[in-house]
PDB file of N, CA and C in Angstrom:
ATOM      1  N   MET A   1     -19.530 -49.722  33.850  1.00  0.00           N
ATOM      2  CA  MET A   1     -18.279 -49.052  33.604  1.00  0.00           C
ATOM      3  C   MET A   1     -18.405 -48.190  32.344  1.00  0.00           C
ATOM      4  N   SER A   2     -18.070 -46.901  32.473  1.00  0.00           N
ATOM      5  CA  SER A   2     -18.186 -46.009  31.329  1.00  0.00           C
ATOM      6  C   SER A   2     -16.876 -45.986  30.548  1.00  0.00           C
ATOM      7  N   VAL A   3     -17.014 -45.747  29.271  1.00  0.00           N
ATOM      8  CA  VAL A   3     -15.852 -45.704  28.387  1.00  0.00           C
ATOM      9  C   VAL A   3     -15.414 -44.249  28.241  1.00  0.00           C
ATOM     10  N   ARG A   4     -14.128 -43.997  28.498  1.00  0.00           N
ATOM     11  CA  ARG A   4     -13.610 -42.628  28.330  1.00  0.00           C
ATOM     12  C   ARG A   4     -13.468 -42.313  26.850  1.00  0.00           C
ATOM     13  N   PRO A   5     -13.834 -41.103  26.465  1.00  0.00           N
ATOM     14  CA  PRO A   5     -13.676 -40.742  25.053  1.00  0.00           C
ATOM     15  C   PRO A   5     -12.192 -40.695  24.684  1.00  0.00           C
ATOM     16  N   THR A   6     -11.938 -40.998  23.453  1.00  0.00           N
ATOM     17  CA  THR A   6     -10.558 -40.963  22.969  1.00  0.00           C
ATOM     18  C   THR A   6     -10.099 -39.515  22.836  1.00  0.00           C
ATOM     19  N   SER A   7      -8.815 -39.364  22.688  1.00  0.00           N
ATOM     20  CA  SER A   7      -8.255 -38.031  22.482  1.00  0.00           C
ATOM     21  C   SER A   7      -8.854 -37.394  21.227  1.00  0.00           C
ATOM     22  N   ARG A   8      -9.024 -38.195  20.196  1.00  0.00           N
ATOM     23  CA  ARG A   8      -9.606 -37.690  18.951  1.00  0.00           C
ATOM     24  C   ARG A   8     -11.043 -37.212  19.176  1.00  0.00           C
ATOM     25  N   GLY A   9     -11.797 -37.947  19.983  1.00  0.00           N
ATOM     26  CA  GLY A   9     -13.178 -37.564  20.278  1.00  0.00           C
ATOM     27  C   GLY A   9     -13.251 -36.281  21.088  1.00  0.00           C
ATOM     28  N   ARG A  10     -12.370 -36.134  22.077  1.00  0.00           N
ATOM     29  CA  ARG A  10     -12.343 -34.896  22.877  1.00  0.00           C
ATOM     30  C   ARG A  10     -11.973 -33.704  22.006  1.00  0.00           C
ATOM     31  N   THR A  11     -11.012 -33.920  21.125  1.00  0.00           N
ATOM     32  CA  THR A  11     -10.602 -32.831  20.231  1.00  0.00           C
ATOM     33  C   THR A  11     -11.747 -32.443  19.303  1.00  0.00           C
ATOM     34  N   ALA A  12     -12.433 -33.430  18.760  1.00  0.00           N
ATOM     35  CA  ALA A  12     -13.557 -33.142  17.855  1.00  0.00           C
ATOM     36  C   ALA A  12     -14.638 -32.353  18.577  1.00  0.00           C
ATOM     37  N   ARG A  13     -14.962 -32.745  19.814  1.00  0.00           N
ATOM     38  CA  ARG A  13     -15.974 -32.006  20.589  1.00  0.00           C
ATOM     39  C   ARG A  13     -15.505 -30.589  20.880  1.00  0.00           C
ATOM     40  N   TYR A  14     -14.241 -30.438  21.233  1.00  0.00           N
ATOM     41  CA  TYR A  14     -13.676 -29.111  21.526  1.00  0.00           C
ATOM     42  C   TYR A  14     -13.781 -28.205  20.301  1.00  0.00           C
ATOM     43  N   TRP A  15     -13.381 -28.731  19.135  1.00  0.00           N
ATOM     44  CA  TRP A  15     -13.452 -27.940  17.913  1.00  0.00           C
ATOM     45  C   TRP A  15     -14.897 -27.604  17.557  1.00  0.00           C
ATOM     46  N   GLU A  16     -15.804 -28.536  17.774  1.00  0.00           N
ATOM     47  CA  GLU A  16     -17.213 -28.269  17.480  1.00  0.00           C
ATOM     48  C   GLU A  16     -17.751 -27.163  18.385  1.00  0.00           C
ATOM     49  N   ASN A  17     -17.365 -27.166  19.652  1.00  0.00           N
ATOM     50  CA  ASN A  17     -17.779 -26.083  20.557  1.00  0.00           C
ATOM     51  C   ASN A  17     -17.234 -24.738  20.085  1.00  0.00           C
ATOM     52  N   LEU A  18     -16.006 -24.721  19.640  1.00  0.00           N
ATOM     53  CA  LEU A  18     -15.439 -23.470  19.118  1.00  0.00           C
ATOM     54  C   LEU A  18     -16.207 -22.997  17.886  1.00  0.00           C
ATOM     55  N   ARG A  19     -16.555 -23.928  17.005  1.00  0.00           N
ATOM     56  CA  ARG A  19     -17.331 -23.552  15.809  1.00  0.00           C
ATOM     57  C   ARG A  19     -18.708 -22.997  16.200  1.00  0.00           C
ATOM     58  N   ARG A  20     -19.331 -23.593  17.210  1.00  0.00           N
ATOM     59  CA  ARG A  20     -20.628 -23.076  17.680  1.00  0.00           C
ATOM     60  C   ARG A  20     -20.496 -21.664  18.217  1.00  0.00           C
ATOM     61  N   MET A  21     -19.317 -21.320  18.736  1.00  0.00           N
ATOM     62  CA  MET A  21     -19.078 -19.964  19.246  1.00  0.00           C
ATOM     63  C   MET A  21     -18.748 -18.993  18.112  1.00  0.00           C
ATOM     64  N   GLY A  22     -18.783 -19.483  16.856  1.00  0.00           N
ATOM     65  CA  GLY A  22     -18.537 -18.610  15.710  1.00  0.00           C
ATOM     66  C   GLY A  22     -17.074 -18.524  15.309  1.00  0.00           C
ATOM     67  N   LEU A  23     -16.253 -19.432  15.803  1.00  0.00           N
ATOM     68  CA  LEU A  23     -14.831 -19.423  15.457  1.00  0.00           C
ATOM     69  C   LEU A  23     -14.556 -20.471  14.388  1.00  0.00           C
ATOM     70  N   ARG A  24     -13.468 -20.295  13.681  1.00  0.00           N
ATOM     71  CA  ARG A  24     -13.060 -21.290  12.699  1.00  0.00           C
ATOM     72  C   ARG A  24     -11.550 -21.480  12.791  1.00  0.00           C
ATOM     73  N   PRO A  25     -11.068 -22.679  12.481  1.00  0.00           N
ATOM     74  CA  PRO A  25      -9.620 -22.912  12.549  1.00  0.00           C
ATOM     75  C   PRO A  25      -8.912 -22.256  11.368  1.00  0.00           C
ATOM     76  N   VAL A  26      -7.743 -21.719  11.638  1.00  0.00           N
ATOM     77  CA  VAL A  26      -6.919 -21.112  10.600  1.00  0.00           C
ATOM     78  C   VAL A  26      -5.497 -21.628  10.798  1.00  0.00           C
ATOM     79  N   GLN A  27      -4.874 -22.068   9.722  1.00  0.00           N
ATOM     80  CA  GLN A  27      -3.502 -22.548   9.803  1.00  0.00           C
ATOM     81  C   GLN A  27      -2.564 -21.423   9.388  1.00  0.00           C
ATOM     82  N   ILE A  28      -1.581 -21.142  10.224  1.00  0.00           N
ATOM     83  CA  ILE A  28      -0.619 -20.077   9.952  1.00  0.00           C
ATOM     84  C   ILE A  28       0.781 -20.684   9.935  1.00  0.00           C
ATOM     85  N   TRP A  29       1.523 -20.405   8.893  1.00  0.00           N
ATOM     86  CA  TRP A  29       2.898 -20.882   8.790  1.00  0.00           C
ATOM     87  C   TRP A  29       3.832 -19.754   9.189  1.00  0.00           C
ATOM     88  N   MET A  30       4.709 -20.030  10.108  1.00  0.00           N
ATOM     89  CA  MET A  30       5.641 -19.032  10.631  1.00  0.00           C
ATOM     90  C   MET A  30       7.069 -19.490  10.348  1.00  0.00           C
ATOM     91  N   PRO A  31       8.011 -18.546  10.253  1.00  0.00           N
ATOM     92  CA  PRO A  31       9.410 -18.953  10.094  1.00  0.00           C
ATOM     93  C   PRO A  31       9.860 -19.774  11.300  1.00  0.00           C
ATOM     94  N   ASP A  32      10.689 -20.766  11.043  1.00  0.00           N
ATOM     95  CA  ASP A  32      11.221 -21.602  12.116  1.00  0.00           C
ATOM     96  C   ASP A  32      12.443 -20.913  12.706  1.00  0.00           C
ATOM     97  N   THR A  33      12.269 -20.326  13.874  1.00  0.00           N
ATOM     98  CA  THR A  33      13.353 -19.566  14.510  1.00  0.00           C
ATOM     99  C   THR A  33      14.465 -20.461  15.014  1.00  0.00           C
ATOM    100  N   ARG A  34      14.262 -21.772  14.982  1.00  0.00           N
ATOM    101  CA  ARG A  34      15.313 -22.690  15.430  1.00  0.00           C
ATOM    102  C   ARG A  34      16.329 -22.993  14.340  1.00  0.00           C
ATOM    103  N   LEU A  35      16.023 -22.661  13.100  1.00  0.00           N
ATOM    104  CA  LEU A  35      16.949 -22.940  12.004  1.00  0.00           C
ATOM    105  C   LEU A  35      18.188 -22.060  12.116  1.00  0.00           C
ATOM    106  N   PRO A  36      19.335 -22.604  11.776  1.00  0.00           N
ATOM    107  CA  PRO A  36      20.557 -21.796  11.857  1.00  0.00           C
ATOM    108  C   PRO A  36      20.564 -20.617  10.882  1.00  0.00           C
ATOM    109  N   THR A  37      19.788 -20.694   9.813  1.00  0.00           N
ATOM    110  CA  THR A  37      19.746 -19.615   8.821  1.00  0.00           C
ATOM    111  C   THR A  37      18.803 -18.477   9.211  1.00  0.00           C
ATOM    112  N   PHE A  38      17.993 -18.682  10.249  1.00  0.00           N
ATOM    113  CA  PHE A  38      16.994 -17.681  10.612  1.00  0.00           C
ATOM    114  C   PHE A  38      17.635 -16.350  11.006  1.00  0.00           C
ATOM    115  N   SER A  39      18.632 -16.375  11.872  1.00  0.00           N
ATOM    116  CA  SER A  39      19.257 -15.134  12.348  1.00  0.00           C
ATOM    117  C   SER A  39      19.863 -14.336  11.207  1.00  0.00           C
ATOM    118  N   ALA A  40      20.558 -15.026  10.313  1.00  0.00           N
ATOM    119  CA  ALA A  40      21.182 -14.328   9.186  1.00  0.00           C
ATOM    120  C   ALA A  40      20.135 -13.683   8.286  1.00  0.00           C
ATOM    121  N   GLU A  41      19.039 -14.385   8.033  1.00  0.00           N
ATOM    122  CA  GLU A  41      17.978 -13.826   7.181  1.00  0.00           C
ATOM    123  C   GLU A  41      17.282 -12.657   7.852  1.00  0.00           C
ATOM    124  N   ALA A  42      17.035 -12.754   9.155  1.00  0.00           N
ATOM    125  CA  ALA A  42      16.413 -11.647   9.889  1.00  0.00           C
ATOM    126  C   ALA A  42      17.332 -10.422   9.855  1.00  0.00           C
ATOM    127  N   ARG A  43      18.616 -10.633  10.044  1.00  0.00           N
ATOM    128  CA  ARG A  43      19.583  -9.530   9.999  1.00  0.00           C
ATOM    129  C   ARG A  43      19.600  -8.891   8.612  1.00  0.00           C
ATOM    130  N   ARG A  44      19.586  -9.729   7.552  1.00  0.00           N
ATOM    131  CA  ARG A  44      19.596  -9.216   6.175  1.00  0.00           C
ATOM    132  C   ARG A  44      18.365  -8.354   5.908  1.00  0.00           C
ATOM    133  N   GLN A  45      17.196  -8.809   6.348  1.00  0.00           N
ATOM    134  CA  GLN A  45      15.976  -8.042   6.121  1.00  0.00           C
ATOM    135  C   GLN A  45      15.978  -6.736   6.921  1.00  0.00           C
ATOM    136  N   CYS A  46      16.503  -6.761   8.130  1.00  0.00           N
ATOM    137  CA  CYS A  46      16.600  -5.525   8.927  1.00  0.00           C
ATOM    138  C   CYS A  46      17.515  -4.511   8.252  1.00  0.00           C
ATOM    139  N   GLU A  47      18.620  -4.995   7.694  1.00  0.00           N
ATOM    140  CA  GLU A  47      19.534  -4.096   6.993  1.00  0.00           C
ATOM    141  C   GLU A  47      18.876  -3.474   5.770  1.00  0.00           C
ATOM    142  N   LEU A  48      18.039  -4.242   5.078  1.00  0.00           N
ATOM    143  CA  LEU A  48      17.310  -3.692   3.931  1.00  0.00           C
ATOM    144  C   LEU A  48      16.337  -2.599   4.360  1.00  0.00           C
ATOM    145  N   VAL A  49      15.641  -2.827   5.468  1.00  0.00           N
ATOM    146  CA  VAL A  49      14.703  -1.823   5.974  1.00  0.00           C
ATOM    147  C   VAL A  49      15.458  -0.561   6.384  1.00  0.00           C
ATOM    148  N   ASN A  50      16.579  -0.722   7.091  1.00  0.00           N
ATOM    149  CA  ASN A  50      17.373   0.436   7.512  1.00  0.00           C
ATOM    150  C   ASN A  50      17.898   1.210   6.309  1.00  0.00           C
ATOM    151  N   ALA A  51      18.349   0.499   5.290  1.00  0.00           N
ATOM    152  CA  ALA A  51      18.847   1.158   4.084  1.00  0.00           C
ATOM    153  C   ALA A  51      17.720   1.912   3.379  1.00  0.00           C
ATOM    154  N   ALA A  52      16.535   1.339   3.352  1.00  0.00           N
ATOM    155  CA  ALA A  52      15.384   2.003   2.714  1.00  0.00           C
ATOM    156  C   ALA A  52      15.027   3.275   3.476  1.00  0.00           C
ATOM    157  N   ASP A  53      15.095   3.236   4.810  1.00  0.00           N
ATOM    158  CA  ASP A  53      14.806   4.431   5.608  1.00  0.00           C
ATOM    159  C   ASP A  53      15.797   5.534   5.302  1.00  0.00           C
ATOM    160  N   GLN A  54      17.071   5.178   5.170  1.00  0.00           N
ATOM    161  CA  GLN A  54      18.097   6.180   4.861  1.00  0.00           C
ATOM    162  C   GLN A  54      17.899   6.721   3.453  1.00  0.00           C
ATOM    163  N   ALA A  55      17.544   5.869   2.507  1.00  0.00           N
ATOM    164  CA  ALA A  55      17.323   6.303   1.129  1.00  0.00           C
ATOM    165  C   ALA A  55      16.136   7.257   1.051  1.00  0.00           C
ATOM    166  N   GLU A  56      15.137   7.072   1.885  1.00  0.00           N
ATOM    167  CA  GLU A  56      13.969   7.948   1.875  1.00  0.00           C
ATOM    168  C   GLU A  56      14.369   9.384   2.231  1.00  0.00           C
ATOM    169  N   HIS A  57      15.284   9.532   3.183  1.00  0.00           N
ATOM    170  CA  HIS A  57      15.765  10.873   3.530  1.00  0.00           C
ATOM    171  C   HIS A  57      16.490  11.511   2.353  1.00  0.00           C
ATOM    172  N   LEU A  58      17.253  10.716   1.620  1.00  0.00           N
ATOM    173  CA  LEU A  58      17.950  11.246   0.455  1.00  0.00           C
ATOM    174  C   LEU A  58      16.967  11.675  -0.628  1.00  0.00           C
ATOM    175  N   ILE A  59      15.936  10.880  -0.844  1.00  0.00           N
ATOM    176  CA  ILE A  59      14.928  11.223  -1.850  1.00  0.00           C
ATOM    177  C   ILE A  59      14.211  12.511  -1.453  1.00  0.00           C
ATOM    178  N   ASP A  60      13.871  12.655  -0.176  1.00  0.00           N
ATOM    179  CA  ASP A  60      13.249  13.888   0.298  1.00  0.00           C
ATOM    180  C   ASP A  60      14.159  15.090   0.056  1.00  0.00           C
ATOM    181  N   TRP A  61      15.457  14.935   0.332  1.00  0.00           N
ATOM    182  CA  TRP A  61      16.411  16.026   0.136  1.00  0.00           C
ATOM    183  C   TRP A  61      16.489  16.404  -1.341  1.00  0.00           C
ATOM    184  N   VAL A  62      16.566  15.408  -2.226  1.00  0.00           N
ATOM    185  CA  VAL A  62      16.643  15.686  -3.669  1.00  0.00           C
ATOM    186  C   VAL A  62      15.393  16.430  -4.121  1.00  0.00           C
ATOM    187  N   GLU A  63      14.232  16.009  -3.644  1.00  0.00           N
ATOM    188  CA  GLU A  63      12.993  16.684  -4.025  1.00  0.00           C
ATOM    189  C   GLU A  63      12.967  18.118  -3.510  1.00  0.00           C
ATOM    190  N   ASN A  64      13.510  18.370  -2.332  1.00  0.00           N
ATOM    191  CA  ASN A  64      13.498  19.718  -1.763  1.00  0.00           C
ATOM    192  C   ASN A  64      14.446  20.679  -2.475  1.00  0.00           C
ATOM    193  N   VAL A  65      15.554  20.176  -2.989  1.00  0.00           N
ATOM    194  CA  VAL A  65      16.528  21.074  -3.625  1.00  0.00           C
ATOM    195  C   VAL A  65      16.400  21.103  -5.141  1.00  0.00           C
ATOM    196  N   SER A  66      15.475  20.337  -5.688  1.00  0.00           N
ATOM    197  CA  SER A  66      15.327  20.260  -7.141  1.00  0.00           C
ATOM    198  C   SER A  66      14.146  21.100  -7.603  1.00  0.00           C
ATOM    199  N   VAL A  67      14.212  21.501  -8.862  1.00  0.00           N
ATOM    200  CA  VAL A  67      13.109  22.215  -9.496  1.00  0.00           C
ATOM    201  C   VAL A  67      12.509  21.286 -10.527  1.00  0.00           C
ATOM    202  N   PHE A  68      11.226  21.039 -10.386  1.00  0.00           N
ATOM    203  CA  PHE A  68      10.529  20.186 -11.319  1.00  0.00           C
ATOM    204  C   PHE A  68       9.628  21.041 -12.193  1.00  0.00           C
ATOM    205  N   ASP A  69       9.201  20.502 -13.320  1.00  0.00           N
ATOM    206  CA  ASP A  69       8.324  21.230 -14.243  1.00  0.00           C
ATOM    207  C   ASP A  69       7.097  21.753 -13.520  1.00  0.00           C
ATOM    208  N   GLU A  70       6.576  20.994 -12.589  1.00  0.00           N
ATOM    209  CA  GLU A  70       5.353  21.424 -11.901  1.00  0.00           C
ATOM    210  C   GLU A  70       5.615  22.608 -10.984  1.00  0.00           C
ATOM    211  N   ASP A  71       6.866  22.841 -10.611  1.00  0.00           N
ATOM    212  CA  ASP A  71       7.207  23.973  -9.748  1.00  0.00           C
ATOM    213  C   ASP A  71       7.361  25.276 -10.530  1.00  0.00           C
ATOM    214  N   ALA A  72       7.632  25.175 -11.821  1.00  0.00           N
ATOM    215  CA  ALA A  72       7.881  26.361 -12.645  1.00  0.00           C
ATOM    216  C   ALA A  72       6.588  27.142 -12.858  1.00  0.00           C
ATOM    217  N   THR A  73       6.705  28.446 -12.845  1.00  0.00           N
ATOM    218  CA  THR A  73       5.531  29.280 -13.109  1.00  0.00           C
ATOM    219  C   THR A  73       5.324  29.378 -14.608  1.00  0.00           C
ATOM    220  N   ARG A  74       4.096  29.522 -15.017  1.00  0.00           N
ATOM    221  CA  ARG A  74       3.793  29.599 -16.454  1.00  0.00           C
ATOM    222  C   ARG A  74       3.616  31.004 -16.879  1.00  0.00           C
TER     223      ARG A  74
END
């Protein structure tokens, strides 16, 4: 009667095969989308990005209608 490998043993062999293929494990932490605060924070960050995009147009307009020292002829 043969003994089946444990779950830990199968996992260790699987990871070793991946390492032989030149891969390595990497742990990535992601926001928990199940939290009740996630939607509000995502909305807040989107509003900041949208506001920055609008501000960029204003900065471009100010630069286009303004005269800077570098624009003046000597």
